[in-house]
Protein backbone atom coordinates (compact mmCIF):
# COMPACT_ATOMS: atom_id res chain seq x y z
CA MET A 1 77.72 97.27 78.56
CA ILE A 2 79.92 99.72 80.47
CA LYS A 3 78.10 101.41 83.36
CA SER A 4 78.16 105.17 83.83
CA PHE A 5 80.51 106.23 86.62
CA GLN A 6 82.65 108.97 88.07
CA PHE A 7 86.02 108.46 89.69
CA ALA A 8 87.43 110.41 92.62
CA ARG A 9 90.80 112.08 92.44
CA LEU A 10 93.84 110.20 93.74
CA PRO A 11 96.83 111.42 95.73
CA LEU A 12 100.30 111.38 94.24
CA ILE A 13 101.29 107.84 95.25
CA PHE A 14 104.77 106.61 96.17
CA PHE A 15 104.68 102.85 96.82
CA GLY A 16 107.51 100.47 97.63
CA ILE A 17 110.14 99.23 100.05
CA GLY A 18 112.39 102.04 101.27
CA LYS A 19 110.22 104.86 99.91
CA ARG A 20 110.25 106.54 103.35
CA SER A 21 113.76 107.82 102.55
CA GLU A 22 112.17 110.16 100.01
CA LEU A 23 109.89 111.78 102.57
CA PRO A 24 112.03 114.88 103.36
CA ARG A 25 112.36 115.70 99.67
CA ILE A 26 108.63 115.30 99.15
CA ILE A 27 107.78 117.45 102.18
CA LYS A 28 110.10 120.27 101.06
CA GLN A 29 108.00 120.74 97.93
CA PHE A 30 105.45 122.31 100.29
CA GLY A 31 107.74 123.96 102.86
CA THR A 32 109.93 123.25 105.88
CA LYS A 33 107.49 123.79 108.79
CA ILE A 34 105.28 120.78 109.37
CA ILE A 35 102.79 119.38 111.81
CA LEU A 36 103.91 115.79 112.50
CA VAL A 37 101.06 113.54 113.64
CA THR A 38 102.02 110.10 115.03
CA ARG A 39 100.86 107.47 117.48
CA GLY A 40 103.23 108.88 120.09
CA SER A 41 105.88 106.96 121.99
CA SER A 42 105.01 103.64 120.32
CA PHE A 43 106.28 105.15 117.07
CA ASN A 44 108.64 107.92 118.15
CA ASP A 45 110.63 105.63 120.47
CA SER A 46 110.87 102.86 117.87
CA GLU A 47 113.94 102.50 115.70
CA THR A 48 111.93 103.45 112.62
CA GLY A 49 110.45 106.49 114.33
CA MET A 50 113.76 107.73 115.69
CA ASN A 51 115.38 107.31 112.27
CA MET A 52 112.58 109.24 110.58
CA ILE A 53 112.69 112.12 113.08
CA SER A 54 116.48 112.22 112.82
CA MET A 55 116.12 112.39 109.04
CA PHE A 56 113.74 115.34 109.41
CA ASP A 57 116.11 117.16 111.77
CA LYS A 58 119.13 116.59 109.51
CA THR A 59 117.31 117.93 106.47
CA GLY A 60 116.11 121.11 108.17
CA LEU A 61 112.46 120.24 108.71
CA ASP A 62 110.93 122.04 111.68
CA HIS A 63 108.17 119.85 113.15
CA LEU A 64 105.54 120.40 115.80
CA ASP A 65 104.43 117.00 117.11
CA PHE A 66 100.93 115.76 117.91
CA PHE A 67 100.17 112.34 119.37
CA ILE A 68 96.96 110.46 118.55
CA THR A 69 96.54 107.45 120.84
CA SER A 70 92.92 106.55 120.00
CA GLU A 71 90.35 107.19 117.32
CA PRO A 72 90.30 110.98 116.88
CA SER A 73 87.65 112.94 118.73
CA PRO A 74 86.44 116.46 117.97
CA LYS A 75 88.30 117.73 121.04
CA MET A 76 91.59 116.26 119.82
CA ILE A 77 91.24 118.00 116.47
CA ASP A 78 90.07 121.32 117.92
CA ASP A 79 92.89 121.35 120.51
CA ALA A 80 95.50 120.56 117.86
CA VAL A 81 94.32 123.39 115.62
CA VAL A 82 94.47 125.88 118.50
CA ARG A 83 97.92 124.69 119.53
CA CYS A 84 99.47 125.10 116.08
CA ALA A 85 97.98 128.55 115.37
CA GLY A 86 101.22 130.37 116.21
CA PHE A 87 103.42 127.83 114.47
CA LYS A 88 102.10 128.61 110.96
CA PRO A 89 102.68 125.16 109.45
CA GLU A 90 103.13 124.69 105.71
CA ALA A 91 102.04 121.04 105.65
CA VAL A 92 100.72 118.24 107.82
CA VAL A 93 102.46 114.86 107.79
CA ALA A 94 100.72 111.91 109.44
CA VAL A 95 102.67 108.70 110.06
CA GLY A 96 100.57 105.93 111.57
CA GLY A 97 97.43 103.84 111.33
CA GLY A 98 94.00 104.93 110.19
CA SER A 99 93.26 106.99 113.29
CA VAL A 100 96.49 108.95 112.91
CA LEU A 101 95.90 109.52 109.20
CA ASP A 102 92.31 110.66 109.82
CA ALA A 103 93.49 113.04 112.54
CA GLY A 104 96.16 114.50 110.28
CA LYS A 105 93.64 114.89 107.47
CA ALA A 106 91.20 116.70 109.77
CA ILE A 107 93.89 118.98 111.22
CA SER A 108 95.02 120.00 107.74
CA ALA A 109 91.38 120.73 106.86
CA MET A 110 90.58 122.77 109.97
CA ILE A 111 93.69 124.96 110.23
CA LYS A 112 92.23 127.48 107.77
CA THR A 113 88.65 127.12 108.98
CA GLY A 114 86.97 128.70 111.97
CA GLY A 115 84.94 126.88 114.57
CA SER A 116 84.90 123.29 115.77
CA VAL A 117 85.28 120.30 113.48
CA THR A 118 81.95 119.04 114.89
CA GLU A 119 80.16 121.79 112.97
CA TYR A 120 81.28 120.23 109.68
CA LEU A 121 80.70 116.52 110.35
CA GLU A 122 78.14 114.70 108.21
CA GLY A 123 74.93 114.00 110.08
CA VAL A 124 76.08 116.04 113.09
CA GLY A 125 77.10 119.51 112.00
CA THR A 126 75.17 122.10 110.02
CA ARG A 127 77.96 123.83 108.08
CA ASP A 128 79.54 122.96 104.73
CA HIS A 129 83.31 123.02 104.62
CA THR A 130 84.86 125.15 101.88
CA GLY A 131 87.56 122.56 101.20
CA SER A 132 90.32 124.99 102.15
CA LYS A 133 93.27 123.17 103.78
CA ILE A 134 97.04 123.06 103.97
CA PRO A 135 98.91 120.25 102.14
CA PHE A 136 98.58 116.82 103.70
CA ILE A 137 100.96 113.84 103.36
CA ALA A 138 99.76 110.41 104.52
CA VAL A 139 102.26 107.71 105.53
CA PRO A 140 100.44 104.56 106.72
CA THR A 141 102.05 102.14 109.20
CA THR A 142 99.17 99.64 109.15
CA SER A 143 97.38 97.95 106.26
CA GLY A 144 93.72 98.61 106.84
CA THR A 145 91.66 101.75 106.39
CA GLY A 146 92.98 103.03 103.07
CA SER A 147 92.68 106.56 104.49
CA GLU A 148 95.77 107.45 102.47
CA ALA A 149 93.53 107.46 99.37
CA THR A 150 90.19 108.84 100.60
CA LYS A 151 88.56 112.23 100.99
CA ASN A 152 87.07 111.68 104.44
CA ALA A 153 88.37 111.73 108.00
CA VAL A 154 86.39 109.70 110.54
CA ILE A 155 85.86 111.54 113.83
CA SER A 156 84.30 109.87 116.89
CA ARG A 157 82.75 110.85 120.17
CA VAL A 158 82.17 107.64 122.09
CA GLY A 159 79.31 107.26 124.55
CA LYS A 160 75.58 106.77 124.96
CA ASP A 161 74.85 109.67 122.62
CA GLY A 162 78.10 109.31 120.74
CA PHE A 163 78.75 109.34 117.03
CA LYS A 164 81.25 108.24 114.42
CA ARG A 165 80.99 110.56 111.44
CA SER A 166 83.06 111.86 108.55
CA LEU A 167 84.56 115.20 107.72
CA ARG A 168 84.43 115.00 103.95
CA HIS A 169 85.37 117.06 100.91
CA ASP A 170 86.95 116.27 97.55
CA ASN A 171 89.90 118.50 98.49
CA PHE A 172 90.69 116.38 101.56
CA VAL A 173 92.22 113.57 99.52
CA PRO A 174 95.87 113.55 100.64
CA ASP A 175 98.20 115.49 98.38
CA VAL A 176 100.72 112.66 98.73
CA ALA A 177 100.39 109.06 99.90
CA LEU A 178 103.72 107.42 100.70
CA ILE A 179 103.34 103.69 101.30
CA ASP A 180 106.45 101.85 102.50
CA PRO A 181 105.49 98.27 103.52
CA GLU A 182 108.51 98.05 105.85
CA LEU A 183 106.76 100.55 108.11
CA THR A 184 104.11 97.91 108.87
CA THR A 185 106.49 95.18 110.14
CA SER A 186 106.24 96.33 113.76
CA CYS A 187 102.44 96.05 113.70
CA PRO A 188 101.49 93.37 116.31
CA PRO A 189 99.42 90.31 115.31
CA ASP A 190 96.11 91.51 116.80
CA LEU A 191 96.34 94.86 114.99
CA THR A 192 97.51 93.13 111.82
CA ALA A 193 94.39 90.94 111.99
CA ALA A 194 91.96 93.79 112.71
CA SER A 195 93.36 96.19 110.13
CA GLY A 196 93.66 93.40 107.56
CA MET A 197 90.01 92.47 108.02
CA ASP A 198 89.02 96.13 107.66
CA CYS A 199 90.85 96.16 104.33
CA PHE A 200 89.27 92.83 103.33
CA THR A 201 85.80 94.12 104.24
CA GLN A 202 86.27 97.33 102.27
CA LEU A 203 87.34 95.49 99.14
CA THR A 204 84.49 92.98 99.45
CA GLU A 205 81.79 95.57 100.15
CA ALA A 206 83.01 97.87 97.37
CA TYR A 207 82.98 94.93 94.95
CA LEU A 208 79.43 93.92 95.95
CA SER A 209 78.17 97.52 96.15
CA ASP A 210 75.28 98.65 94.01
CA LYS A 211 77.51 101.64 93.10
CA SER A 212 80.38 99.52 91.79
CA ASN A 213 81.57 99.79 88.21
CA GLN A 214 84.04 98.03 85.94
CA TYR A 215 86.98 100.08 87.23
CA THR A 216 86.27 99.48 90.89
CA ASP A 217 85.49 95.80 90.27
CA ALA A 218 88.84 95.27 88.56
CA LEU A 219 90.73 97.05 91.34
CA ALA A 220 88.80 95.28 94.11
CA LEU A 221 89.51 91.85 92.66
CA GLU A 222 93.24 92.59 92.42
CA GLY A 223 93.22 93.75 96.03
CA LEU A 224 91.30 90.65 97.13
CA LYS A 225 93.80 88.38 95.41
CA THR A 226 96.58 89.92 97.48
CA VAL A 227 94.48 89.57 100.66
CA LYS A 228 94.15 85.89 99.86
CA SER A 229 97.90 85.43 99.51
CA SER A 230 99.06 87.87 102.20
CA LEU A 231 96.68 88.34 105.15
CA LEU A 232 97.33 85.12 107.06
CA MET A 233 101.02 85.21 106.16
CA SER A 234 101.49 88.71 107.59
CA PHE A 235 99.52 87.72 110.70
CA LYS A 236 101.69 84.65 111.32
CA ASP A 237 105.01 86.35 110.50
CA GLY A 238 105.11 90.12 110.81
CA ASN A 239 108.53 90.27 109.14
CA ASP A 240 107.33 88.57 105.95
CA ILE A 241 108.06 91.47 103.59
CA PRO A 242 106.25 90.05 100.52
CA ALA A 243 103.12 89.51 102.66
CA ARG A 244 103.38 92.97 104.21
CA THR A 245 103.81 94.45 100.73
CA GLY A 246 100.73 92.61 99.53
CA MET A 247 98.62 93.91 102.40
CA SER A 248 99.91 97.47 101.92
CA PHE A 249 98.83 97.24 98.28
CA ALA A 250 95.46 95.78 99.27
CA ALA A 251 94.83 98.53 101.83
CA LEU A 252 95.66 101.31 99.38
CA THR A 253 93.42 99.66 96.79
CA SER A 254 90.59 99.31 99.31
CA GLY A 255 90.68 103.05 99.95
CA ILE A 256 90.45 103.79 96.23
CA CYS A 257 87.56 101.33 95.85
CA LEU A 258 85.51 102.56 98.81
CA ALA A 259 85.94 106.16 97.69
CA ASN A 260 84.34 105.29 94.37
CA ALA A 261 81.92 102.45 95.09
CA GLY A 262 80.90 102.92 98.72
CA LEU A 263 80.53 100.27 101.41
CA GLY A 264 77.83 98.02 102.87
CA ALA A 265 76.23 96.60 105.99
CA VAL A 266 79.37 95.79 107.95
CA HIS A 267 80.64 99.35 107.78
CA GLY A 268 77.19 100.59 108.70
CA PHE A 269 77.56 98.60 111.92
CA ALA A 270 81.10 99.91 112.41
CA SER A 271 79.76 103.45 112.50
CA SER A 272 76.88 102.86 114.90
CA ILE A 273 78.75 100.51 117.25
CA GLY A 274 81.91 102.62 117.16
CA GLY A 275 79.97 105.69 118.26
CA MET A 276 78.67 103.90 121.36
CA TYR A 277 81.58 101.70 122.43
CA PRO A 278 85.40 101.95 122.34
CA ILE A 279 85.82 98.90 120.12
CA PRO A 280 88.48 98.83 117.36
CA HIS A 281 86.97 99.48 113.94
CA GLY A 282 88.73 96.51 112.34
CA VAL A 283 87.45 94.12 115.02
CA ILE A 284 83.84 95.11 114.25
CA CYS A 285 84.45 94.56 110.54
CA GLY A 286 86.24 91.26 110.94
CA THR A 287 83.89 89.67 113.44
CA LEU A 288 80.74 90.60 111.46
CA MET A 289 81.96 89.71 107.97
CA ALA A 290 80.75 86.10 107.96
CA PRO A 291 77.20 86.57 109.34
CA ALA A 292 76.60 89.72 107.27
CA ASN A 293 77.62 88.08 104.02
CA GLU A 294 75.76 84.88 104.84
CA LEU A 295 72.58 86.90 105.30
CA ASN A 296 73.18 88.81 102.06
CA VAL A 297 73.48 85.49 100.23
CA LYS A 298 70.33 84.09 101.88
CA LYS A 299 68.28 87.09 100.76
CA LEU A 300 69.77 87.15 97.27
CA ARG A 301 68.86 83.50 96.86
CA LYS A 302 65.27 84.39 97.76
CA GLY A 303 65.19 86.84 94.88
CA TYR A 304 65.83 90.11 96.71
CA GLY A 305 68.35 92.62 95.43
CA ASN A 306 70.42 92.50 92.26
CA PRO A 307 70.68 88.93 90.91
CA ASP A 308 74.21 89.73 89.73
CA GLY A 309 75.14 89.72 93.42
CA LEU A 310 75.18 85.92 93.48
CA LYS A 311 77.49 85.81 90.47
CA LYS A 312 79.84 88.18 92.29
CA TYR A 313 79.76 86.03 95.42
CA ALA A 314 80.62 83.01 93.30
CA LEU A 315 83.61 84.85 91.84
CA LEU A 316 84.76 85.74 95.36
CA GLY A 317 84.66 82.05 96.17
CA GLU A 318 86.76 81.26 93.12
CA VAL A 319 89.35 83.79 94.32
CA PHE A 320 89.63 82.36 97.84
CA LEU A 321 89.09 78.62 97.32
CA ASP A 322 91.81 76.46 95.83
CA LYS A 323 89.49 74.38 93.69
CA LYS A 324 88.44 74.68 90.07
CA GLY A 325 85.45 73.48 88.09
CA GLU A 326 82.80 73.58 90.82
CA ASN A 327 79.30 75.05 90.55
CA GLU A 328 78.16 78.50 91.63
CA ASP A 329 76.65 77.40 94.94
CA TYR A 330 79.87 75.64 95.93
CA TYR A 331 81.87 78.86 95.54
CA ILE A 332 79.25 81.06 97.24
CA ASP A 333 78.99 78.83 100.30
CA GLY A 334 82.74 78.27 100.30
CA PHE A 335 83.39 82.01 100.48
CA VAL A 336 81.18 82.37 103.57
CA ASP A 337 82.88 79.32 105.11
CA HIS A 338 86.26 80.96 104.43
CA LEU A 339 85.15 84.04 106.37
CA ARG A 340 84.33 81.83 109.36
CA PHE A 341 87.70 80.14 108.98
CA LEU A 342 89.41 83.54 109.15
CA ASN A 343 87.48 84.41 112.31
CA ASP A 344 89.07 81.38 113.96
CA GLU A 345 92.54 81.73 112.45
CA LEU A 346 92.84 85.42 113.31
CA ARG A 347 91.28 84.87 116.75
CA LEU A 348 88.74 87.65 116.23
CA PRO A 349 86.72 88.25 119.42
CA GLY A 350 82.96 88.54 119.66
CA LEU A 351 81.14 91.75 120.57
CA LYS A 352 80.50 90.91 124.21
CA LYS A 353 84.22 91.12 125.03
CA TYR A 354 84.08 94.90 124.56
CA GLY A 355 81.24 95.45 127.01
CA ILE A 356 78.47 95.78 124.46
CA ARG A 357 75.18 95.26 126.28
CA GLU A 358 72.55 92.99 124.78
CA THR A 359 69.97 95.65 125.62
CA ASP A 360 71.77 98.03 123.23
CA LEU A 361 71.64 95.73 120.20
CA GLU A 362 68.24 96.98 119.04
CA LYS A 363 69.37 100.61 119.32
CA ILE A 364 72.51 99.76 117.34
CA CYS A 365 70.40 98.21 114.59
CA SER A 366 67.93 101.10 114.47
CA THR A 367 70.75 103.64 114.05
CA THR A 368 72.78 101.60 111.56
CA ASP A 369 72.75 103.32 108.16
CA ILE A 370 73.08 100.77 105.36
CA LYS A 371 74.20 102.19 102.03
CA ASN A 372 75.21 100.40 98.84
CA ASN A 373 74.61 96.90 100.23
CA PRO A 374 73.70 94.45 97.42
CA VAL A 375 70.37 93.71 99.14
CA ARG A 376 68.12 95.65 101.50
CA LEU A 377 68.34 94.55 105.15
CA GLU A 378 65.61 95.12 107.73
CA VAL A 379 66.20 95.76 111.45
CA SER A 380 65.38 92.10 112.14
CA ASP A 381 68.10 91.07 109.69
CA LEU A 382 70.61 93.33 111.40
CA MET A 383 69.70 91.83 114.78
CA GLU A 384 70.32 88.36 113.36
CA ILE A 385 73.82 89.41 112.29
CA LEU A 386 74.73 90.91 115.67
CA LEU A 387 73.34 88.04 117.72
CA GLU A 388 75.51 85.52 115.91
CA ARG A 389 78.65 87.35 117.04
CA TYR A 390 77.36 88.34 120.47
CA ILE A 391 79.64 85.80 122.13
């Protein structure tokens, strides 16, 4: 029987090698004055960045540049909005990883809105955003967050009383997502690993989510198949265009899936840990994938949660293991073993490397909001997950 569902709007998507050449034409549908959000010198001084900016200049695009060198904070967004007030931009174009895309999305949403972005963040602010924005074009240069297809921008203030929360509205889905896999070839191995595991986590958690439906399941499985064939290849050889293309497709698909099915325990940790410590989002996801899914399986086998969860875990094992005709338990356990294998192959660090204090683990668990996980997890379960990767 087909489950009831609703499906979020999508951006106009341009996907493929060389699609970046179409960017000036696409931008001019909205105007010629743009806010250009990038990583800064790491992009602008690269051959790709210089070529893109030259292309903008030659085609008459007037751009005011903003550099985002870390996960966006409220101050970054508020300062950017103040700075561009006199410029009167007609669109925002963000070219970069998830942090850059989220910053661009938030800037486009706040230009027409008074006050600080903090006032509109879920769980932090007290005001509802009207959804008014200027057009936003997302051009990812990593294969991870899927922000090019979602309606939320993640904003962080890191510290003891920090937070990592979303600015969210249906209207904040990018107007255009331009995905050119060649833009990801300069992504270094450590970032390729972290962003790839973020993408992998999003697809897996959306597939296992208690909000999933037949549409999201079909999309998630297609994305996971490309992760299987492309993640390690892109990590080992950043110039492997078929692998980079596969991961770009998987990342886009992960954004569509999370927007419609939600996420689980690992992303709950990513929010609580990321608000307290400056640890890359993808590292949290990657390093916690194996213990979190192992615990899900353990509890499902004890009869907690939706029994269909075990069937889904078995199908995940069939996707990632090169063996046919085995029983359900073989594929379930094999999937968890594959996650541990990826931890080693991608050289994903443990939590202690980033200065996380053992005395903070209980606070992290008590503030971790778990939604859509296939089984309920108690604080003691969350502690078990963290302690395994506190190395």
